[in-house]
Amino acid sequence: MMMASSRRAGALALLLVAALPAGCSLRPLYSGGTQGAAAQTLSSIEVPGISGKAGWLVHAALMRRLDPAGGNARYRLEVELDDQIIGFGVRRDEAVTRERRTLRARYRLIDLASGAVVLDATAGSDAGIDVVSSEYATVAAENTALENLSTIIADQIIARVARFGAAEGAAAKAP
């Protein structure tokens, strides 16, 4: 008797789990390929230059991901960066043994037709760096950290802007 009851409960649980995706409102972000709302938004963004070495790296990473449609910009993406290196591992002789490189971005997506800020958000990441006796190795590690952080920041920005584009596309299709 208990066996039949647990089988029924297991079967019911299986049916419930199988029914969940049907009622789910999740949609792929890049549905529709290059004609989808997210891709259309990403291809209609211009990105002015960003000052500094970190700015150059973030700008280059953004441009690789955006694939702008050449002259058909609908939005402008303005990015301000804050790049800091802070020493926090200190030996008895007061020499720094560890650093944290932090890269933060505040970005605004501006509708060129109206001048309205349609998205205002931040992105950020940090990396730990070992400070070694070779100054060259430490500088190389700091540069590598900056390159990696720039890529992470660009990915965060693109993901957020793509979600904005998908939401705008869904809102435009809603009756």
N, C-alpha and C. Protein backbone atom coordinates (compact mmCIF):
# COMPACT_ATOMS: atom_id res chain seq x y z
N MET A 1 0.83 -1.19 0.00
CA MET A 1 0.00 0.00 0.00
C MET A 1 0.87 1.25 0.00
N MET A 2 1.92 1.26 0.83
CA MET A 2 2.80 2.42 0.89
C MET A 2 3.59 2.57 -0.40
N MET A 3 3.95 1.46 -1.04
CA MET A 3 4.68 1.46 -2.31
C MET A 3 3.87 2.16 -3.39
N ALA A 4 2.58 1.86 -3.49
CA ALA A 4 1.72 2.45 -4.51
C ALA A 4 1.57 3.95 -4.27
N SER A 5 1.45 4.33 -3.01
CA SER A 5 1.33 5.74 -2.66
C SER A 5 2.58 6.52 -3.03
N SER A 6 3.77 5.97 -2.78
CA SER A 6 5.00 6.67 -3.12
C SER A 6 5.22 6.70 -4.63
N ARG A 7 4.74 5.66 -5.33
CA ARG A 7 4.83 5.68 -6.81
C ARG A 7 3.94 6.77 -7.38
N ARG A 8 2.74 6.90 -6.82
CA ARG A 8 1.83 7.95 -7.30
C ARG A 8 2.40 9.33 -7.02
N ALA A 9 2.99 9.50 -5.86
CA ALA A 9 3.60 10.79 -5.51
C ALA A 9 4.77 11.09 -6.45
N GLY A 10 5.56 10.07 -6.74
CA GLY A 10 6.68 10.25 -7.68
C GLY A 10 6.19 10.59 -9.07
N ALA A 11 5.13 9.92 -9.52
CA ALA A 11 4.57 10.19 -10.85
C ALA A 11 3.99 11.60 -10.90
N LEU A 12 3.31 12.00 -9.83
CA LEU A 12 2.74 13.35 -9.77
C LEU A 12 3.84 14.41 -9.80
N ALA A 13 4.91 14.17 -9.05
CA ALA A 13 6.04 15.11 -9.04
C ALA A 13 6.66 15.21 -10.43
N LEU A 14 6.79 14.09 -11.11
CA LEU A 14 7.35 14.09 -12.47
C LEU A 14 6.47 14.89 -13.42
N LEU A 15 5.16 14.72 -13.32
CA LEU A 15 4.24 15.48 -14.17
C LEU A 15 4.32 16.98 -13.89
N LEU A 16 4.43 17.34 -12.62
CA LEU A 16 4.53 18.75 -12.27
C LEU A 16 5.81 19.37 -12.82
N VAL A 17 6.91 18.65 -12.70
CA VAL A 17 8.19 19.15 -13.22
C VAL A 17 8.13 19.27 -14.74
N ALA A 18 7.51 18.31 -15.40
CA ALA A 18 7.40 18.36 -16.85
C ALA A 18 6.51 19.51 -17.30
N ALA A 19 5.53 19.89 -16.49
CA ALA A 19 4.61 20.96 -16.87
C ALA A 19 5.19 22.35 -16.62
N LEU A 20 6.22 22.46 -15.78
CA LEU A 20 6.78 23.77 -15.44
C LEU A 20 7.28 24.55 -16.66
N PRO A 21 8.08 23.99 -17.54
CA PRO A 21 8.57 24.79 -18.66
C PRO A 21 7.46 25.33 -19.56
N ALA A 22 6.34 24.62 -19.67
CA ALA A 22 5.25 25.07 -20.52
C ALA A 22 4.66 26.38 -20.00
N GLY A 23 4.61 26.56 -18.70
CA GLY A 23 4.04 27.76 -18.13
C GLY A 23 5.07 28.84 -17.86
N CYS A 24 6.29 28.57 -18.15
CA CYS A 24 7.38 29.49 -17.86
C CYS A 24 7.39 30.64 -18.87
N SER A 25 7.71 31.83 -18.44
CA SER A 25 7.73 32.98 -19.34
C SER A 25 9.14 33.34 -19.80
N LEU A 26 10.08 32.44 -19.62
CA LEU A 26 11.45 32.71 -20.06
C LEU A 26 11.53 32.67 -21.58
N ARG A 27 12.28 33.61 -22.13
CA ARG A 27 12.52 33.65 -23.57
C ARG A 27 14.01 33.82 -23.79
N PRO A 28 14.54 33.21 -24.84
CA PRO A 28 15.97 33.40 -25.13
C PRO A 28 16.25 34.88 -25.41
N LEU A 29 17.34 35.37 -24.86
CA LEU A 29 17.70 36.78 -25.03
C LEU A 29 17.93 37.14 -26.48
N TYR A 30 18.60 36.27 -27.21
CA TYR A 30 18.94 36.56 -28.59
C TYR A 30 18.02 35.83 -29.57
N SER A 31 16.77 35.60 -29.19
CA SER A 31 15.85 34.95 -30.11
C SER A 31 15.65 35.85 -31.33
N GLY A 32 15.52 35.24 -32.46
CA GLY A 32 15.38 36.00 -33.69
C GLY A 32 16.70 36.28 -34.37
N GLY A 33 17.80 35.82 -33.79
CA GLY A 33 19.12 36.02 -34.41
C GLY A 33 19.43 37.48 -34.61
N THR A 34 19.96 37.83 -35.77
CA THR A 34 20.33 39.23 -36.05
C THR A 34 19.11 40.12 -36.24
N GLN A 35 17.93 39.53 -36.42
CA GLN A 35 16.71 40.31 -36.57
C GLN A 35 15.97 40.49 -35.25
N GLY A 36 16.47 39.85 -34.19
CA GLY A 36 15.83 39.95 -32.88
C GLY A 36 16.03 41.33 -32.26
N ALA A 37 15.21 41.62 -31.26
CA ALA A 37 15.23 42.94 -30.62
C ALA A 37 16.57 43.25 -29.97
N ALA A 38 17.16 42.27 -29.27
CA ALA A 38 18.44 42.51 -28.60
C ALA A 38 19.54 42.80 -29.62
N ALA A 39 19.61 42.00 -30.67
CA ALA A 39 20.65 42.19 -31.69
C ALA A 39 20.45 43.51 -32.43
N GLN A 40 19.21 43.87 -32.69
CA GLN A 40 18.94 45.14 -33.37
C GLN A 40 19.36 46.33 -32.50
N THR A 41 19.11 46.23 -31.22
CA THR A 41 19.52 47.30 -30.31
C THR A 41 21.04 47.40 -30.28
N LEU A 42 21.72 46.26 -30.12
CA LEU A 42 23.18 46.26 -30.04
C LEU A 42 23.82 46.81 -31.31
N SER A 43 23.22 46.56 -32.45
CA SER A 43 23.82 47.04 -33.71
C SER A 43 23.50 48.50 -34.00
N SER A 44 22.68 49.12 -33.15
CA SER A 44 22.31 50.52 -33.38
C SER A 44 22.89 51.45 -32.32
N ILE A 45 24.05 51.07 -31.76
CA ILE A 45 24.67 51.86 -30.70
C ILE A 45 26.01 52.41 -31.17
N GLU A 46 26.21 53.69 -30.92
CA GLU A 46 27.53 54.29 -31.14
C GLU A 46 28.19 54.48 -29.78
N VAL A 47 29.50 54.31 -29.77
CA VAL A 47 30.25 54.45 -28.51
C VAL A 47 31.36 55.45 -28.74
N PRO A 48 31.24 56.64 -28.14
CA PRO A 48 32.35 57.60 -28.26
C PRO A 48 33.57 57.09 -27.50
N GLY A 49 34.73 57.64 -27.83
CA GLY A 49 35.96 57.23 -27.16
C GLY A 49 35.88 57.40 -25.65
N ILE A 50 36.61 56.55 -24.95
CA ILE A 50 36.67 56.60 -23.49
C ILE A 50 38.12 56.88 -23.13
N SER A 51 38.34 57.84 -22.26
CA SER A 51 39.71 58.28 -21.98
C SER A 51 40.50 57.25 -21.18
N GLY A 52 41.81 57.27 -21.38
CA GLY A 52 42.75 56.44 -20.64
C GLY A 52 42.95 55.07 -21.25
N LYS A 53 43.95 54.38 -20.70
CA LYS A 53 44.26 53.04 -21.19
C LYS A 53 43.09 52.08 -20.96
N ALA A 54 42.50 52.14 -19.76
CA ALA A 54 41.34 51.29 -19.47
C ALA A 54 40.20 51.64 -20.42
N GLY A 55 40.03 52.91 -20.71
CA GLY A 55 38.99 53.34 -21.63
C GLY A 55 39.20 52.80 -23.02
N TRP A 56 40.44 52.82 -23.48
CA TRP A 56 40.73 52.28 -24.81
C TRP A 56 40.41 50.78 -24.86
N LEU A 57 40.79 50.06 -23.80
CA LEU A 57 40.54 48.62 -23.76
C LEU A 57 39.04 48.31 -23.70
N VAL A 58 38.30 49.03 -22.87
CA VAL A 58 36.85 48.81 -22.76
C VAL A 58 36.17 49.18 -24.08
N HIS A 59 36.56 50.30 -24.67
CA HIS A 59 35.97 50.72 -25.94
C HIS A 59 36.19 49.66 -27.02
N ALA A 60 37.41 49.15 -27.12
CA ALA A 60 37.71 48.12 -28.12
C ALA A 60 36.89 46.86 -27.87
N ALA A 61 36.76 46.46 -26.62
CA ALA A 61 35.97 45.27 -26.29
C ALA A 61 34.50 45.49 -26.62
N LEU A 62 33.98 46.67 -26.34
CA LEU A 62 32.58 46.97 -26.67
C LEU A 62 32.36 46.93 -28.18
N MET A 63 33.26 47.53 -28.93
CA MET A 63 33.09 47.58 -30.38
C MET A 63 33.14 46.18 -31.00
N ARG A 64 33.95 45.30 -30.44
CA ARG A 64 33.98 43.91 -30.95
C ARG A 64 32.65 43.21 -30.71
N ARG A 65 31.94 43.58 -29.68
CA ARG A 65 30.69 42.92 -29.34
C ARG A 65 29.46 43.58 -29.95
N LEU A 66 29.54 44.85 -30.25
CA LEU A 66 28.36 45.59 -30.72
C LEU A 66 28.07 45.40 -32.20
N ASP A 67 29.06 45.36 -33.03
CA ASP A 67 28.86 45.25 -34.47
C ASP A 67 27.94 46.35 -34.98
N PRO A 68 28.36 47.62 -34.83
CA PRO A 68 27.48 48.73 -35.21
C PRO A 68 27.15 48.71 -36.70
N ALA A 69 25.95 49.18 -37.02
CA ALA A 69 25.43 49.12 -38.38
C ALA A 69 25.90 50.30 -39.24
N GLY A 70 26.93 50.97 -38.89
CA GLY A 70 27.53 52.03 -39.69
C GLY A 70 26.59 53.18 -40.05
N GLY A 71 26.53 54.18 -39.21
CA GLY A 71 25.75 55.38 -39.52
C GLY A 71 24.28 55.30 -39.15
N ASN A 72 23.78 54.16 -38.74
CA ASN A 72 22.38 54.02 -38.38
C ASN A 72 22.20 53.97 -36.87
N ALA A 73 22.94 54.79 -36.16
CA ALA A 73 22.89 54.76 -34.70
C ALA A 73 21.57 55.31 -34.19
N ARG A 74 21.00 54.59 -33.26
CA ARG A 74 19.78 55.02 -32.59
C ARG A 74 20.09 55.45 -31.15
N TYR A 75 21.17 54.87 -30.61
CA TYR A 75 21.58 55.14 -29.23
C TYR A 75 23.06 55.51 -29.17
N ARG A 76 23.42 56.22 -28.09
CA ARG A 76 24.81 56.49 -27.79
C ARG A 76 25.08 55.91 -26.40
N LEU A 77 26.17 55.17 -26.28
CA LEU A 77 26.55 54.58 -25.01
C LEU A 77 27.73 55.37 -24.45
N GLU A 78 27.49 56.09 -23.37
CA GLU A 78 28.54 56.87 -22.71
C GLU A 78 29.04 56.10 -21.50
N VAL A 79 30.36 55.96 -21.40
CA VAL A 79 30.96 55.16 -20.34
C VAL A 79 32.00 55.99 -19.60
N GLU A 80 31.92 55.99 -18.28
CA GLU A 80 32.92 56.62 -17.42
C GLU A 80 33.54 55.53 -16.57
N LEU A 81 34.87 55.50 -16.50
CA LEU A 81 35.57 54.44 -15.78
C LEU A 81 36.29 54.97 -14.55
N ASP A 82 36.40 54.11 -13.56
CA ASP A 82 37.20 54.37 -12.38
C ASP A 82 38.12 53.16 -12.22
N ASP A 83 39.42 53.37 -12.42
CA ASP A 83 40.42 52.29 -12.35
C ASP A 83 41.33 52.58 -11.17
N GLN A 84 41.39 51.63 -10.23
CA GLN A 84 42.22 51.83 -9.03
C GLN A 84 43.03 50.58 -8.73
N ILE A 85 44.24 50.81 -8.23
CA ILE A 85 45.07 49.73 -7.70
C ILE A 85 45.37 50.07 -6.25
N ILE A 86 45.02 49.14 -5.36
CA ILE A 86 45.23 49.35 -3.93
C ILE A 86 46.07 48.21 -3.38
N GLY A 87 47.14 48.55 -2.68
CA GLY A 87 47.96 47.54 -2.02
C GLY A 87 47.34 47.17 -0.69
N PHE A 88 47.24 45.87 -0.41
CA PHE A 88 46.64 45.49 0.86
C PHE A 88 47.38 44.38 1.59
N GLY A 89 48.30 43.70 0.95
CA GLY A 89 49.13 42.72 1.65
C GLY A 89 50.44 43.39 2.01
N VAL A 90 50.72 43.57 3.30
CA VAL A 90 51.92 44.31 3.71
C VAL A 90 52.75 43.44 4.66
N ARG A 91 54.05 43.38 4.34
CA ARG A 91 54.97 42.63 5.21
C ARG A 91 55.41 43.52 6.37
N ARG A 92 56.22 42.94 7.26
CA ARG A 92 56.73 43.71 8.41
C ARG A 92 57.58 44.90 7.99
N ASP A 93 58.28 44.75 6.86
CA ASP A 93 59.11 45.87 6.39
C ASP A 93 58.30 46.87 5.57
N GLU A 94 56.98 46.76 5.64
CA GLU A 94 56.02 47.65 4.98
C GLU A 94 56.03 47.55 3.46
N ALA A 95 56.56 46.49 2.92
CA ALA A 95 56.50 46.26 1.47
C ALA A 95 55.17 45.60 1.13
N VAL A 96 54.53 46.10 0.07
CA VAL A 96 53.25 45.56 -0.38
C VAL A 96 53.50 44.22 -1.07
N THR A 97 52.69 43.22 -0.72
CA THR A 97 52.85 41.89 -1.34
C THR A 97 51.64 41.50 -2.18
N ARG A 98 50.56 42.24 -2.06
CA ARG A 98 49.34 41.92 -2.80
C ARG A 98 48.63 43.21 -3.15
N GLU A 99 48.06 43.25 -4.35
CA GLU A 99 47.30 44.41 -4.79
C GLU A 99 45.94 43.95 -5.29
N ARG A 100 45.01 44.88 -5.25
CA ARG A 100 43.69 44.65 -5.83
C ARG A 100 43.46 45.73 -6.88
N ARG A 101 43.24 45.30 -8.11
CA ARG A 101 42.91 46.24 -9.18
C ARG A 101 41.41 46.19 -9.36
N THR A 102 40.78 47.35 -9.26
CA THR A 102 39.34 47.47 -9.36
C THR A 102 39.00 48.36 -10.55
N LEU A 103 38.10 47.87 -11.39
CA LEU A 103 37.62 48.66 -12.53
C LEU A 103 36.10 48.75 -12.42
N ARG A 104 35.62 49.98 -12.33
CA ARG A 104 34.18 50.24 -12.25
C ARG A 104 33.78 51.12 -13.42
N ALA A 105 32.58 50.88 -13.93
CA ALA A 105 32.07 51.67 -15.05
C ALA A 105 30.67 52.16 -14.72
N ARG A 106 30.43 53.41 -15.00
CA ARG A 106 29.07 53.94 -14.99
C ARG A 106 28.75 54.21 -16.45
N TYR A 107 27.65 53.67 -16.91
CA TYR A 107 27.32 53.85 -18.32
C TYR A 107 25.86 54.28 -18.47
N ARG A 108 25.65 55.06 -19.53
CA ARG A 108 24.33 55.57 -19.85
C ARG A 108 24.04 55.31 -21.32
N LEU A 109 22.87 54.78 -21.59
CA LEU A 109 22.41 54.58 -22.95
C LEU A 109 21.44 55.71 -23.24
N ILE A 110 21.77 56.49 -24.26
CA ILE A 110 21.00 57.68 -24.57
C ILE A 110 20.31 57.51 -25.91
N ASP A 111 19.01 57.75 -25.94
CA ASP A 111 18.22 57.72 -27.17
C ASP A 111 18.58 58.98 -27.96
N LEU A 112 19.15 58.81 -29.14
CA LEU A 112 19.61 59.96 -29.92
C LEU A 112 18.45 60.82 -30.42
N ALA A 113 17.29 60.24 -30.66
CA ALA A 113 16.15 61.00 -31.17
C ALA A 113 15.61 61.98 -30.13
N SER A 114 15.52 61.53 -28.88
CA SER A 114 14.93 62.37 -27.84
C SER A 114 15.96 62.96 -26.88
N GLY A 115 17.14 62.39 -26.83
CA GLY A 115 18.15 62.83 -25.88
C GLY A 115 17.93 62.27 -24.49
N ALA A 116 16.94 61.40 -24.34
CA ALA A 116 16.60 60.83 -23.03
C ALA A 116 17.57 59.70 -22.67
N VAL A 117 17.91 59.64 -21.39
CA VAL A 117 18.71 58.53 -20.89
C VAL A 117 17.74 57.38 -20.64
N VAL A 118 17.89 56.30 -21.42
CA VAL A 118 16.97 55.17 -21.31
C VAL A 118 17.53 54.06 -20.41
N LEU A 119 18.81 54.13 -20.13
CA LEU A 119 19.43 53.14 -19.25
C LEU A 119 20.61 53.82 -18.56
N ASP A 120 20.64 53.74 -17.25
CA ASP A 120 21.73 54.30 -16.45
C ASP A 120 22.11 53.23 -15.44
N ALA A 121 23.30 52.66 -15.59
CA ALA A 121 23.67 51.53 -14.74
C ALA A 121 25.18 51.52 -14.49
N THR A 122 25.62 50.56 -13.69
CA THR A 122 27.04 50.40 -13.39
C THR A 122 27.46 48.96 -13.63
N ALA A 123 28.75 48.79 -13.82
CA ALA A 123 29.36 47.47 -13.95
C ALA A 123 30.69 47.53 -13.23
N GLY A 124 31.16 46.41 -12.78
CA GLY A 124 32.44 46.43 -12.09
C GLY A 124 32.98 45.05 -11.83
N SER A 125 34.28 45.02 -11.64
CA SER A 125 34.96 43.78 -11.29
C SER A 125 36.31 44.13 -10.68
N ASP A 126 36.93 43.16 -10.04
CA ASP A 126 38.26 43.39 -9.49
C ASP A 126 39.10 42.13 -9.63
N ALA A 127 40.40 42.32 -9.49
CA ALA A 127 41.35 41.21 -9.64
C ALA A 127 42.45 41.37 -8.60
N GLY A 128 42.91 40.25 -8.08
CA GLY A 128 44.03 40.25 -7.16
C GLY A 128 45.33 40.07 -7.91
N ILE A 129 46.36 40.76 -7.47
CA ILE A 129 47.66 40.72 -8.13
C ILE A 129 48.73 40.47 -7.07
N ASP A 130 49.59 39.49 -7.32
CA ASP A 130 50.73 39.25 -6.43
C ASP A 130 51.85 40.22 -6.81
N VAL A 131 52.39 40.89 -5.83
CA VAL A 131 53.53 41.78 -6.05
C VAL A 131 54.78 40.96 -5.77
N VAL A 132 55.61 40.81 -6.79
CA VAL A 132 56.82 39.99 -6.68
C VAL A 132 58.05 40.89 -6.73
N SER A 133 59.21 40.30 -6.56
CA SER A 133 60.45 41.08 -6.51
C SER A 133 60.78 41.72 -7.85
N SER A 134 60.30 41.16 -8.94
CA SER A 134 60.54 41.73 -10.26
C SER A 134 59.48 42.78 -10.57
N GLU A 135 59.92 44.03 -10.70
CA GLU A 135 58.98 45.10 -11.00
C GLU A 135 58.32 44.88 -12.36
N TYR A 136 59.07 44.35 -13.32
CA TYR A 136 58.54 44.06 -14.64
C TYR A 136 57.38 43.06 -14.55
N ALA A 137 57.57 42.01 -13.76
CA ALA A 137 56.53 40.99 -13.62
C ALA A 137 55.28 41.57 -12.95
N THR A 138 55.47 42.45 -11.99
CA THR A 138 54.33 43.07 -11.32
C THR A 138 53.57 43.97 -12.27
N VAL A 139 54.28 44.77 -13.06
CA VAL A 139 53.63 45.66 -14.03
C VAL A 139 52.91 44.82 -15.10
N ALA A 140 53.53 43.73 -15.53
CA ALA A 140 52.89 42.86 -16.51
C ALA A 140 51.61 42.25 -15.93
N ALA A 141 51.63 41.87 -14.66
CA ALA A 141 50.44 41.32 -14.01
C ALA A 141 49.35 42.38 -13.89
N GLU A 142 49.73 43.61 -13.57
CA GLU A 142 48.75 44.70 -13.49
C GLU A 142 48.11 44.95 -14.85
N ASN A 143 48.91 44.92 -15.92
CA ASN A 143 48.38 45.13 -17.26
C ASN A 143 47.45 43.99 -17.69
N THR A 144 47.84 42.77 -17.37
CA THR A 144 47.00 41.62 -17.70
C THR A 144 45.67 41.70 -16.96
N ALA A 145 45.74 42.10 -15.69
CA ALA A 145 44.52 42.26 -14.90
C ALA A 145 43.61 43.31 -15.54
N LEU A 146 44.18 44.42 -16.00
CA LEU A 146 43.39 45.46 -16.63
C LEU A 146 42.74 44.96 -17.92
N GLU A 147 43.47 44.21 -18.72
CA GLU A 147 42.91 43.65 -19.94
C GLU A 147 41.74 42.73 -19.63
N ASN A 148 41.91 41.85 -18.64
CA ASN A 148 40.84 40.93 -18.26
C ASN A 148 39.64 41.67 -17.69
N LEU A 149 39.88 42.67 -16.84
CA LEU A 149 38.79 43.44 -16.26
C LEU A 149 38.02 44.21 -17.33
N SER A 150 38.73 44.73 -18.33
CA SER A 150 38.08 45.45 -19.42
C SER A 150 37.12 44.55 -20.17
N THR A 151 37.52 43.33 -20.41
CA THR A 151 36.66 42.36 -21.10
C THR A 151 35.44 42.03 -20.25
N ILE A 152 35.65 41.84 -18.95
CA ILE A 152 34.53 41.53 -18.05
C ILE A 152 33.53 42.69 -18.01
N ILE A 153 34.04 43.91 -17.91
CA ILE A 153 33.17 45.10 -17.87
C ILE A 153 32.37 45.20 -19.16
N ALA A 154 33.04 45.02 -20.31
CA ALA A 154 32.34 45.09 -21.60
C ALA A 154 31.25 44.03 -21.67
N ASP A 155 31.54 42.81 -21.21
CA ASP A 155 30.53 41.75 -21.23
C ASP A 155 29.33 42.10 -20.35
N GLN A 156 29.59 42.69 -19.18
CA GLN A 156 28.49 43.09 -18.29
C GLN A 156 27.63 44.18 -18.95
N ILE A 157 28.27 45.15 -19.57
CA ILE A 157 27.54 46.23 -20.22
C ILE A 157 26.70 45.68 -21.36
N ILE A 158 27.29 44.84 -22.20
CA ILE A 158 26.57 44.29 -23.34
C ILE A 158 25.38 43.45 -22.87
N ALA A 159 25.56 42.64 -21.84
CA ALA A 159 24.46 41.82 -21.34
C ALA A 159 23.31 42.69 -20.85
N ARG A 160 23.63 43.76 -20.15
CA ARG A 160 22.57 44.64 -19.62
C ARG A 160 21.88 45.39 -20.74
N VAL A 161 22.62 45.88 -21.72
CA VAL A 161 22.02 46.60 -22.84
C VAL A 161 21.17 45.63 -23.69
N ALA A 162 21.63 44.39 -23.86
CA ALA A 162 20.86 43.40 -24.61
C ALA A 162 19.53 43.11 -23.90
N ARG A 163 19.55 43.01 -22.56
CA ARG A 163 18.31 42.81 -21.82
C ARG A 163 17.37 44.00 -22.01
N PHE A 164 17.94 45.19 -22.01
CA PHE A 164 17.13 46.38 -22.28
C PHE A 164 16.49 46.29 -23.66
N GLY A 165 17.30 45.93 -24.68
CA GLY A 165 16.78 45.82 -26.04
C GLY A 165 15.70 44.78 -26.17
N ALA A 166 15.89 43.63 -25.52
CA ALA A 166 14.87 42.57 -25.57
C ALA A 166 13.58 43.03 -24.89
N ALA A 167 13.70 43.73 -23.77
CA ALA A 167 12.52 44.22 -23.08
C ALA A 167 11.80 45.27 -23.91
N GLU A 168 12.55 46.13 -24.55
CA GLU A 168 11.94 47.15 -25.42
C GLU A 168 11.23 46.49 -26.59
N GLY A 169 11.85 45.44 -27.17
CA GLY A 169 11.23 44.72 -28.27
C GLY A 169 9.96 44.02 -27.86
N ALA A 170 9.98 43.42 -26.66
CA ALA A 170 8.78 42.74 -26.15
C ALA A 170 7.68 43.75 -25.86
N ALA A 171 8.05 44.93 -25.34
CA ALA A 171 7.05 45.96 -25.05
C ALA A 171 6.45 46.50 -26.34
N ALA A 172 7.25 46.60 -27.40
CA ALA A 172 6.73 47.10 -28.67
C ALA A 172 5.77 46.10 -29.32
N LYS A 173 5.97 44.81 -29.07
CA LYS A 173 5.10 43.77 -29.65
C LYS A 173 3.84 43.55 -28.85
N ALA A 174 3.84 43.98 -27.58
CA ALA A 174 2.68 43.74 -26.71
C ALA A 174 1.49 44.54 -27.22
N PRO A 175 0.31 43.92 -27.17
CA PRO A 175 -0.91 44.62 -27.65
C PRO A 175 -1.36 45.69 -26.70
